[in-house]
Amino acid sequence: MAVTDERTSFSEWILNEALASYFGTGDDQNERMEWFFSLSVLTPEGKQAVRELAGFEWTVGEIEWAFNRGLRVPEDRGGIAQELFEREYWGLRPDFRFWRRSREAQLIVESKGYDPGGGKQESDQARRYFQYLKDFACRGAVIYLVPRQATRCLEMLQAAGEKTGVSFGVLHWEDLFDALGTDLLRVVARSMVASAEVLKTALKLIEPSSK
């Protein structure tokens, strides 16, 4: 009987690039951000909107965000001791992060193309996200973007965030697909073009030299 590896369910980097592209910086960015903050998140207590779980909503000029950027000093250290920050959090790289300019509230969004509920590495990563928000002493939440079949993710987050008091929940990639359609196609197309160029270069390298 064939065994299906859930890790191959989604190519998460493609989805991340598409979501970052969808957020964008154009005239409709505010509308798109408001859409994201209105999405329904699954929590142990039921469903909540992203803005309710995070404790803040998208506000022009008030909320900043970053994609695939590591934590750095001084802006991301807050009240955390320098030594502790450098040892535990420097370079920690959530897929997406949103924060008030005052840094009184932050939202960490991590995406996976598989169910992260069964792995120690994934659990350790989630624990660092929770502990960072706790040590920073700000309001906020940790949200994981996962495929719908990732049924163990919520349980993993509950264990990782135990005793931190940080809110958490799960969003499903499938709920975003309708909005991301065009951006997904664009990212896939770029990937295919890049792959074709790499293949062309490789073929040139292995072709026998002409005499």
C-alpha atoms as a PDB file:
ATOM      1  CA  MET A   1       0.000   0.000   0.000  1.00  0.00           C
ATOM      2  CA  ALA A   2       1.471   3.312  -1.071  1.00  0.00           C
ATOM      3  CA  VAL A   3       2.174   5.888   1.623  1.00  0.00           C
ATOM      4  CA  THR A   4       1.453   9.511   0.816  1.00  0.00           C
ATOM      5  CA  ASP A   5       3.900  12.041   2.200  1.00  0.00           C
ATOM      6  CA  GLU A   6       1.824  15.003   3.397  1.00  0.00           C
ATOM      7  CA  ARG A   7       4.869  17.257   2.979  1.00  0.00           C
ATOM      8  CA  THR A   8       4.358  17.148  -0.799  1.00  0.00           C
ATOM      9  CA  SER A   9       0.778  18.450  -0.577  1.00  0.00           C
ATOM     10  CA  PHE A  10       1.728  22.063  -1.294  1.00  0.00           C
ATOM     11  CA  SER A  11       4.815  23.911  -2.465  1.00  0.00           C
ATOM     12  CA  GLU A  12       4.681  26.439   0.336  1.00  0.00           C
ATOM     13  CA  TRP A  13       7.272  28.792  -1.147  1.00  0.00           C
ATOM     14  CA  ILE A  14       5.028  29.313  -4.181  1.00  0.00           C
ATOM     15  CA  LEU A  15       2.059  30.069  -1.942  1.00  0.00           C
ATOM     16  CA  ASN A  16       4.123  32.444   0.191  1.00  0.00           C
ATOM     17  CA  GLU A  17       5.352  34.344  -2.860  1.00  0.00           C
ATOM     18  CA  ALA A  18       1.803  34.543  -4.204  1.00  0.00           C
ATOM     19  CA  LEU A  19       0.439  35.864  -0.912  1.00  0.00           C
ATOM     20  CA  ALA A  20       3.219  38.451  -0.627  1.00  0.00           C
ATOM     21  CA  SER A  21       2.531  39.496  -4.221  1.00  0.00           C
ATOM     22  CA  TYR A  22      -1.186  39.727  -3.491  1.00  0.00           C
ATOM     23  CA  PHE A  23      -0.576  42.008  -0.502  1.00  0.00           C
ATOM     24  CA  GLY A  24       1.575  44.170  -2.755  1.00  0.00           C
ATOM     25  CA  THR A  25       2.013  47.911  -2.485  1.00  0.00           C
ATOM     26  CA  GLY A  26      -0.517  49.263  -4.991  1.00  0.00           C
ATOM     27  CA  ASP A  27      -3.696  51.259  -4.666  1.00  0.00           C
ATOM     28  CA  ASP A  28      -5.692  48.186  -3.629  1.00  0.00           C
ATOM     29  CA  GLN A  29      -3.282  47.085  -0.896  1.00  0.00           C
ATOM     30  CA  ASN A  30      -5.489  48.419   1.892  1.00  0.00           C
ATOM     31  CA  GLU A  31      -8.504  46.509   0.597  1.00  0.00           C
ATOM     32  CA  ARG A  32      -6.465  43.309   0.364  1.00  0.00           C
ATOM     33  CA  MET A  33      -4.996  43.696   3.827  1.00  0.00           C
ATOM     34  CA  GLU A  34      -8.435  44.342   5.273  1.00  0.00           C
ATOM     35  CA  TRP A  35      -9.601  41.140   3.555  1.00  0.00           C
ATOM     36  CA  PHE A  36      -6.781  39.154   5.167  1.00  0.00           C
ATOM     37  CA  PHE A  37      -7.464  40.576   8.625  1.00  0.00           C
ATOM     38  CA  SER A  38     -11.129  39.603   8.241  1.00  0.00           C
ATOM     39  CA  LEU A  39     -10.398  35.933   7.457  1.00  0.00           C
ATOM     40  CA  SER A  40     -11.717  33.321   9.867  1.00  0.00           C
ATOM     41  CA  VAL A  41      -9.128  31.554  12.025  1.00  0.00           C
ATOM     42  CA  LEU A  42      -9.699  28.210  13.709  1.00  0.00           C
ATOM     43  CA  THR A  43      -8.825  28.337  17.434  1.00  0.00           C
ATOM     44  CA  PRO A  44      -9.428  25.956  20.357  1.00  0.00           C
ATOM     45  CA  GLU A  45     -12.380  28.147  21.351  1.00  0.00           C
ATOM     46  CA  GLY A  46     -13.913  28.241  17.867  1.00  0.00           C
ATOM     47  CA  LYS A  47     -13.523  30.649  14.962  1.00  0.00           C
ATOM     48  CA  GLN A  48     -12.310  34.247  15.200  1.00  0.00           C
ATOM     49  CA  ALA A  49     -11.311  36.857  12.651  1.00  0.00           C
ATOM     50  CA  VAL A  50      -7.585  37.470  12.274  1.00  0.00           C
ATOM     51  CA  ARG A  51      -8.000  41.006  13.659  1.00  0.00           C
ATOM     52  CA  GLU A  52      -9.810  39.702  16.754  1.00  0.00           C
ATOM     53  CA  LEU A  53      -7.151  37.100  17.464  1.00  0.00           C
ATOM     54  CA  ALA A  54      -4.249  39.505  16.887  1.00  0.00           C
ATOM     55  CA  GLY A  55      -5.857  42.308  18.859  1.00  0.00           C
ATOM     56  CA  PHE A  56      -5.490  44.881  16.075  1.00  0.00           C
ATOM     57  CA  GLU A  57      -6.728  45.487  12.543  1.00  0.00           C
ATOM     58  CA  TRP A  58      -5.128  46.807   9.394  1.00  0.00           C
ATOM     59  CA  THR A  59      -4.871  50.568   9.630  1.00  0.00           C
ATOM     60  CA  VAL A  60      -3.171  52.688   6.981  1.00  0.00           C
ATOM     61  CA  GLY A  61       0.004  54.262   8.309  1.00  0.00           C
ATOM     62  CA  GLU A  62      -0.287  52.416  11.632  1.00  0.00           C
ATOM     63  CA  ILE A  63       0.467  48.799  10.714  1.00  0.00           C
ATOM     64  CA  GLU A  64       3.683  47.633   9.083  1.00  0.00           C
ATOM     65  CA  TRP A  65       4.505  44.209   7.687  1.00  0.00           C
ATOM     66  CA  ALA A  66       7.394  42.116   6.423  1.00  0.00           C
ATOM     67  CA  PHE A  67       7.753  38.986   4.324  1.00  0.00           C
ATOM     68  CA  ASN A  68      10.521  36.466   4.977  1.00  0.00           C
ATOM     69  CA  ARG A  69      12.618  38.891   7.028  1.00  0.00           C
ATOM     70  CA  GLY A  70      14.590  37.814  10.060  1.00  0.00           C
ATOM     71  CA  LEU A  71      14.246  39.509  13.439  1.00  0.00           C
ATOM     72  CA  ARG A  72      16.911  42.131  13.978  1.00  0.00           C
ATOM     73  CA  VAL A  73      18.130  44.741  16.424  1.00  0.00           C
ATOM     74  CA  PRO A  74      17.277  47.231  17.604  1.00  0.00           C
ATOM     75  CA  GLU A  75      13.719  47.442  16.299  1.00  0.00           C
ATOM     76  CA  ASP A  76      12.716  43.817  16.991  1.00  0.00           C
ATOM     77  CA  ARG A  77      14.393  43.445  20.384  1.00  0.00           C
ATOM     78  CA  GLY A  78      11.949  45.481  22.441  1.00  0.00           C
ATOM     79  CA  GLY A  79      12.518  44.882  26.138  1.00  0.00           C
ATOM     80  CA  ILE A  80      14.387  41.611  25.619  1.00  0.00           C
ATOM     81  CA  ALA A  81      17.903  41.560  27.037  1.00  0.00           C
ATOM     82  CA  GLN A  82      20.547  41.829  24.316  1.00  0.00           C
ATOM     83  CA  GLU A  83      22.214  38.538  25.238  1.00  0.00           C
ATOM     84  CA  LEU A  84      18.906  36.651  25.313  1.00  0.00           C
ATOM     85  CA  PHE A  85      17.807  38.151  21.989  1.00  0.00           C
ATOM     86  CA  GLU A  86      21.057  37.246  20.262  1.00  0.00           C
ATOM     87  CA  ARG A  87      20.984  33.719  21.639  1.00  0.00           C
ATOM     88  CA  GLU A  88      17.320  32.863  21.057  1.00  0.00           C
ATOM     89  CA  TYR A  89      15.765  35.168  18.480  1.00  0.00           C
ATOM     90  CA  TRP A  90      18.287  36.944  16.280  1.00  0.00           C
ATOM     91  CA  GLY A  91      17.583  35.831  12.711  1.00  0.00           C
ATOM     92  CA  LEU A  92      14.331  34.049  13.576  1.00  0.00           C
ATOM     93  CA  ARG A  93      12.433  34.377  10.295  1.00  0.00           C
ATOM     94  CA  PRO A  94       8.640  34.148  10.255  1.00  0.00           C
ATOM     95  CA  ASP A  95       7.103  33.950   6.787  1.00  0.00           C
ATOM     96  CA  PHE A  96       4.958  37.004   7.492  1.00  0.00           C
ATOM     97  CA  ARG A  97       4.885  39.454  10.375  1.00  0.00           C
ATOM     98  CA  PHE A  98       2.587  42.402  11.066  1.00  0.00           C
ATOM     99  CA  TRP A  99       3.048  44.931  13.851  1.00  0.00           C
ATOM    100  CA  ARG A 100       1.857  48.267  15.161  1.00  0.00           C
ATOM    101  CA  ARG A 101       4.425  50.991  14.672  1.00  0.00           C
ATOM    102  CA  SER A 102       4.444  51.380  18.443  1.00  0.00           C
ATOM    103  CA  ARG A 103       5.369  47.649  18.693  1.00  0.00           C
ATOM    104  CA  GLU A 104       2.659  47.167  21.315  1.00  0.00           C
ATOM    105  CA  ALA A 105       1.141  44.369  19.210  1.00  0.00           C
ATOM    106  CA  GLN A 106       2.525  41.868  16.702  1.00  0.00           C
ATOM    107  CA  LEU A 107       1.150  39.062  14.542  1.00  0.00           C
ATOM    108  CA  ILE A 108       3.346  36.197  13.344  1.00  0.00           C
ATOM    109  CA  VAL A 109       2.106  34.143  10.394  1.00  0.00           C
ATOM    110  CA  GLU A 110       4.000  30.955   9.515  1.00  0.00           C
ATOM    111  CA  SER A 111       3.032  28.803   6.550  1.00  0.00           C
ATOM    112  CA  LYS A 112       3.572  25.112   5.937  1.00  0.00           C
ATOM    113  CA  GLY A 113       2.762  22.990   2.918  1.00  0.00           C
ATOM    114  CA  TYR A 114       2.184  19.956   5.137  1.00  0.00           C
ATOM    115  CA  ASP A 115       0.928  19.088   8.607  1.00  0.00           C
ATOM    116  CA  PRO A 116       3.572  20.357  11.056  1.00  0.00           C
ATOM    117  CA  GLY A 117       1.895  18.697  14.013  1.00  0.00           C
ATOM    118  CA  GLY A 118       4.124  15.647  14.193  1.00  0.00           C
ATOM    119  CA  GLY A 119       7.634  17.057  13.996  1.00  0.00           C
ATOM    120  CA  LYS A 120      10.006  18.167  16.750  1.00  0.00           C
ATOM    121  CA  GLN A 121      11.667  20.780  14.523  1.00  0.00           C
ATOM    122  CA  GLU A 122       8.309  22.364  13.728  1.00  0.00           C
ATOM    123  CA  SER A 123       7.284  22.282  17.383  1.00  0.00           C
ATOM    124  CA  ASP A 124      10.538  23.935  18.449  1.00  0.00           C
ATOM    125  CA  GLN A 125      10.098  26.656  15.826  1.00  0.00           C
ATOM    126  CA  ALA A 126       6.546  27.387  17.001  1.00  0.00           C
ATOM    127  CA  ARG A 127       7.704  27.487  20.630  1.00  0.00           C
ATOM    128  CA  ARG A 128      10.271  30.163  19.749  1.00  0.00           C
ATOM    129  CA  TYR A 129       7.578  32.295  18.097  1.00  0.00           C
ATOM    130  CA  PHE A 130       5.389  32.109  21.191  1.00  0.00           C
ATOM    131  CA  GLN A 131       8.254  32.780  23.557  1.00  0.00           C
ATOM    132  CA  TYR A 132       9.442  35.741  21.485  1.00  0.00           C
ATOM    133  CA  LEU A 133       6.069  37.467  21.723  1.00  0.00           C
ATOM    134  CA  LYS A 134       5.916  36.727  25.436  1.00  0.00           C
ATOM    135  CA  ASP A 135       9.446  38.031  26.093  1.00  0.00           C
ATOM    136  CA  PHE A 136       8.832  41.101  23.943  1.00  0.00           C
ATOM    137  CA  ALA A 137       5.873  41.776  26.249  1.00  0.00           C
ATOM    138  CA  CYS A 138       3.428  42.775  23.541  1.00  0.00           C
ATOM    139  CA  ARG A 139      -0.071  41.728  22.579  1.00  0.00           C
ATOM    140  CA  GLY A 140      -0.447  39.545  19.532  1.00  0.00           C
ATOM    141  CA  ALA A 141      -0.876  36.084  18.112  1.00  0.00           C
ATOM    142  CA  VAL A 142       0.709  33.238  16.187  1.00  0.00           C
ATOM    143  CA  ILE A 143      -1.181  31.932  13.144  1.00  0.00           C
ATOM    144  CA  TYR A 144      -0.196  28.953  11.002  1.00  0.00           C
ATOM    145  CA  LEU A 145      -1.268  28.712   7.365  1.00  0.00           C
ATOM    146  CA  VAL A 146      -1.609  25.030   6.503  1.00  0.00           C
ATOM    147  CA  PRO A 147      -3.492  22.662   4.176  1.00  0.00           C
ATOM    148  CA  ARG A 148      -6.942  21.656   5.364  1.00  0.00           C
ATOM    149  CA  GLN A 149      -5.781  18.101   6.072  1.00  0.00           C
ATOM    150  CA  ALA A 150      -3.251  19.367   8.650  1.00  0.00           C
ATOM    151  CA  THR A 151      -5.430  18.258  11.549  1.00  0.00           C
ATOM    152  CA  ARG A 152      -2.621  18.050  14.124  1.00  0.00           C
ATOM    153  CA  CYS A 153      -1.394  21.623  13.732  1.00  0.00           C
ATOM    154  CA  LEU A 154      -3.762  23.199  16.243  1.00  0.00           C
ATOM    155  CA  GLU A 155      -2.797  20.638  18.880  1.00  0.00           C
ATOM    156  CA  MET A 156       0.892  21.318  18.239  1.00  0.00           C
ATOM    157  CA  LEU A 157       0.382  25.067  18.640  1.00  0.00           C
ATOM    158  CA  GLN A 158      -1.535  24.547  21.859  1.00  0.00           C
ATOM    159  CA  ALA A 159       1.383  22.603  23.325  1.00  0.00           C
ATOM    160  CA  ALA A 160       4.024  25.015  21.983  1.00  0.00           C
ATOM    161  CA  GLY A 161       2.276  28.087  23.365  1.00  0.00           C
ATOM    162  CA  GLU A 162       1.393  26.618  26.736  1.00  0.00           C
ATOM    163  CA  LYS A 163       1.846  29.079  29.623  1.00  0.00           C
ATOM    164  CA  THR A 164       2.817  31.970  27.326  1.00  0.00           C
ATOM    165  CA  GLY A 165      -0.645  33.509  27.187  1.00  0.00           C
ATOM    166  CA  VAL A 166      -0.194  34.231  23.471  1.00  0.00           C
ATOM    167  CA  SER A 167      -3.248  33.677  21.252  1.00  0.00           C
ATOM    168  CA  PHE A 168      -2.985  31.283  18.317  1.00  0.00           C
ATOM    169  CA  GLY A 169      -4.932  29.685  15.527  1.00  0.00           C
ATOM    170  CA  VAL A 170      -4.903  28.007  12.124  1.00  0.00           C
ATOM    171  CA  LEU A 171      -5.804  29.335   8.678  1.00  0.00           C
ATOM    172  CA  HIS A 172      -6.298  26.995   5.727  1.00  0.00           C
ATOM    173  CA  TRP A 173      -4.598  27.675   2.410  1.00  0.00           C
ATOM    174  CA  GLU A 174      -7.704  26.520   0.566  1.00  0.00           C
ATOM    175  CA  ASP A 175      -9.587  29.533   1.931  1.00  0.00           C
ATOM    176  CA  LEU A 176      -7.137  31.848   0.158  1.00  0.00           C
ATOM    177  CA  PHE A 177      -6.968  30.220  -3.269  1.00  0.00           C
ATOM    178  CA  ASP A 178      -9.812  32.145  -4.900  1.00  0.00           C
ATOM    179  CA  ALA A 179      -8.164  35.453  -4.052  1.00  0.00           C
ATOM    180  CA  LEU A 180      -4.634  34.310  -4.949  1.00  0.00           C
ATOM    181  CA  GLY A 181      -5.432  32.710  -8.323  1.00  0.00           C
ATOM    182  CA  THR A 182      -3.735  35.249 -10.585  1.00  0.00           C
ATOM    183  CA  ASP A 183      -0.743  35.711  -8.304  1.00  0.00           C
ATOM    184  CA  LEU A 184      -0.271  31.947  -8.010  1.00  0.00           C
ATOM    185  CA  LEU A 185      -0.174  31.606 -11.785  1.00  0.00           C
ATOM    186  CA  ARG A 186       2.317  34.462 -12.035  1.00  0.00           C
ATOM    187  CA  VAL A 187       4.684  32.902  -9.474  1.00  0.00           C
ATOM    188  CA  VAL A 188       4.434  29.456 -11.100  1.00  0.00           C
ATOM    189  CA  ALA A 189       5.156  30.973 -14.513  1.00  0.00           C
ATOM    190  CA  ARG A 190       8.249  32.766 -13.201  1.00  0.00           C
ATOM    191  CA  SER A 191       9.416  29.523 -11.606  1.00  0.00           C
ATOM    192  CA  MET A 192       8.997  27.610 -14.857  1.00  0.00           C
ATOM    193  CA  VAL A 193      10.941  30.236 -16.816  1.00  0.00           C
ATOM    194  CA  ALA A 194      13.740  30.184 -14.248  1.00  0.00           C
ATOM    195  CA  SER A 195      13.831  26.375 -14.313  1.00  0.00           C
ATOM    196  CA  ALA A 196      14.037  26.394 -18.100  1.00  0.00           C
ATOM    197  CA  GLU A 197      16.992  28.792 -17.986  1.00  0.00           C
ATOM    198  CA  VAL A 198      18.788  26.627 -15.428  1.00  0.00           C
ATOM    199  CA  LEU A 199      18.195  23.534 -17.579  1.00  0.00           C
ATOM    200  CA  LYS A 200      19.487  25.329 -20.667  1.00  0.00           C
ATOM    201  CA  THR A 201      22.662  26.339 -18.818  1.00  0.00           C
ATOM    202  CA  ALA A 202      23.161  22.813 -17.479  1.00  0.00           C
ATOM    203  CA  LEU A 203      22.799  21.308 -20.951  1.00  0.00           C
ATOM    204  CA  LYS A 204      25.435  23.666 -22.301  1.00  0.00           C
ATOM    205  CA  LEU A 205      27.828  22.574 -19.559  1.00  0.00           C
ATOM    206  CA  ILE A 206      27.427  18.869 -20.259  1.00  0.00           C
ATOM    207  CA  GLU A 207      27.445  19.065 -24.062  1.00  0.00           C
ATOM    208  CA  PRO A 208      30.707  17.811 -25.535  1.00  0.00           C
ATOM    209  CA  SER A 209      32.943  20.577 -26.823  1.00  0.00           C
ATOM    210  CA  SER A 210      32.795  21.028 -30.568  1.00  0.00           C
ATOM    211  CA  LYS A 211      35.973  20.171 -32.386  1.00  0.00           C
END
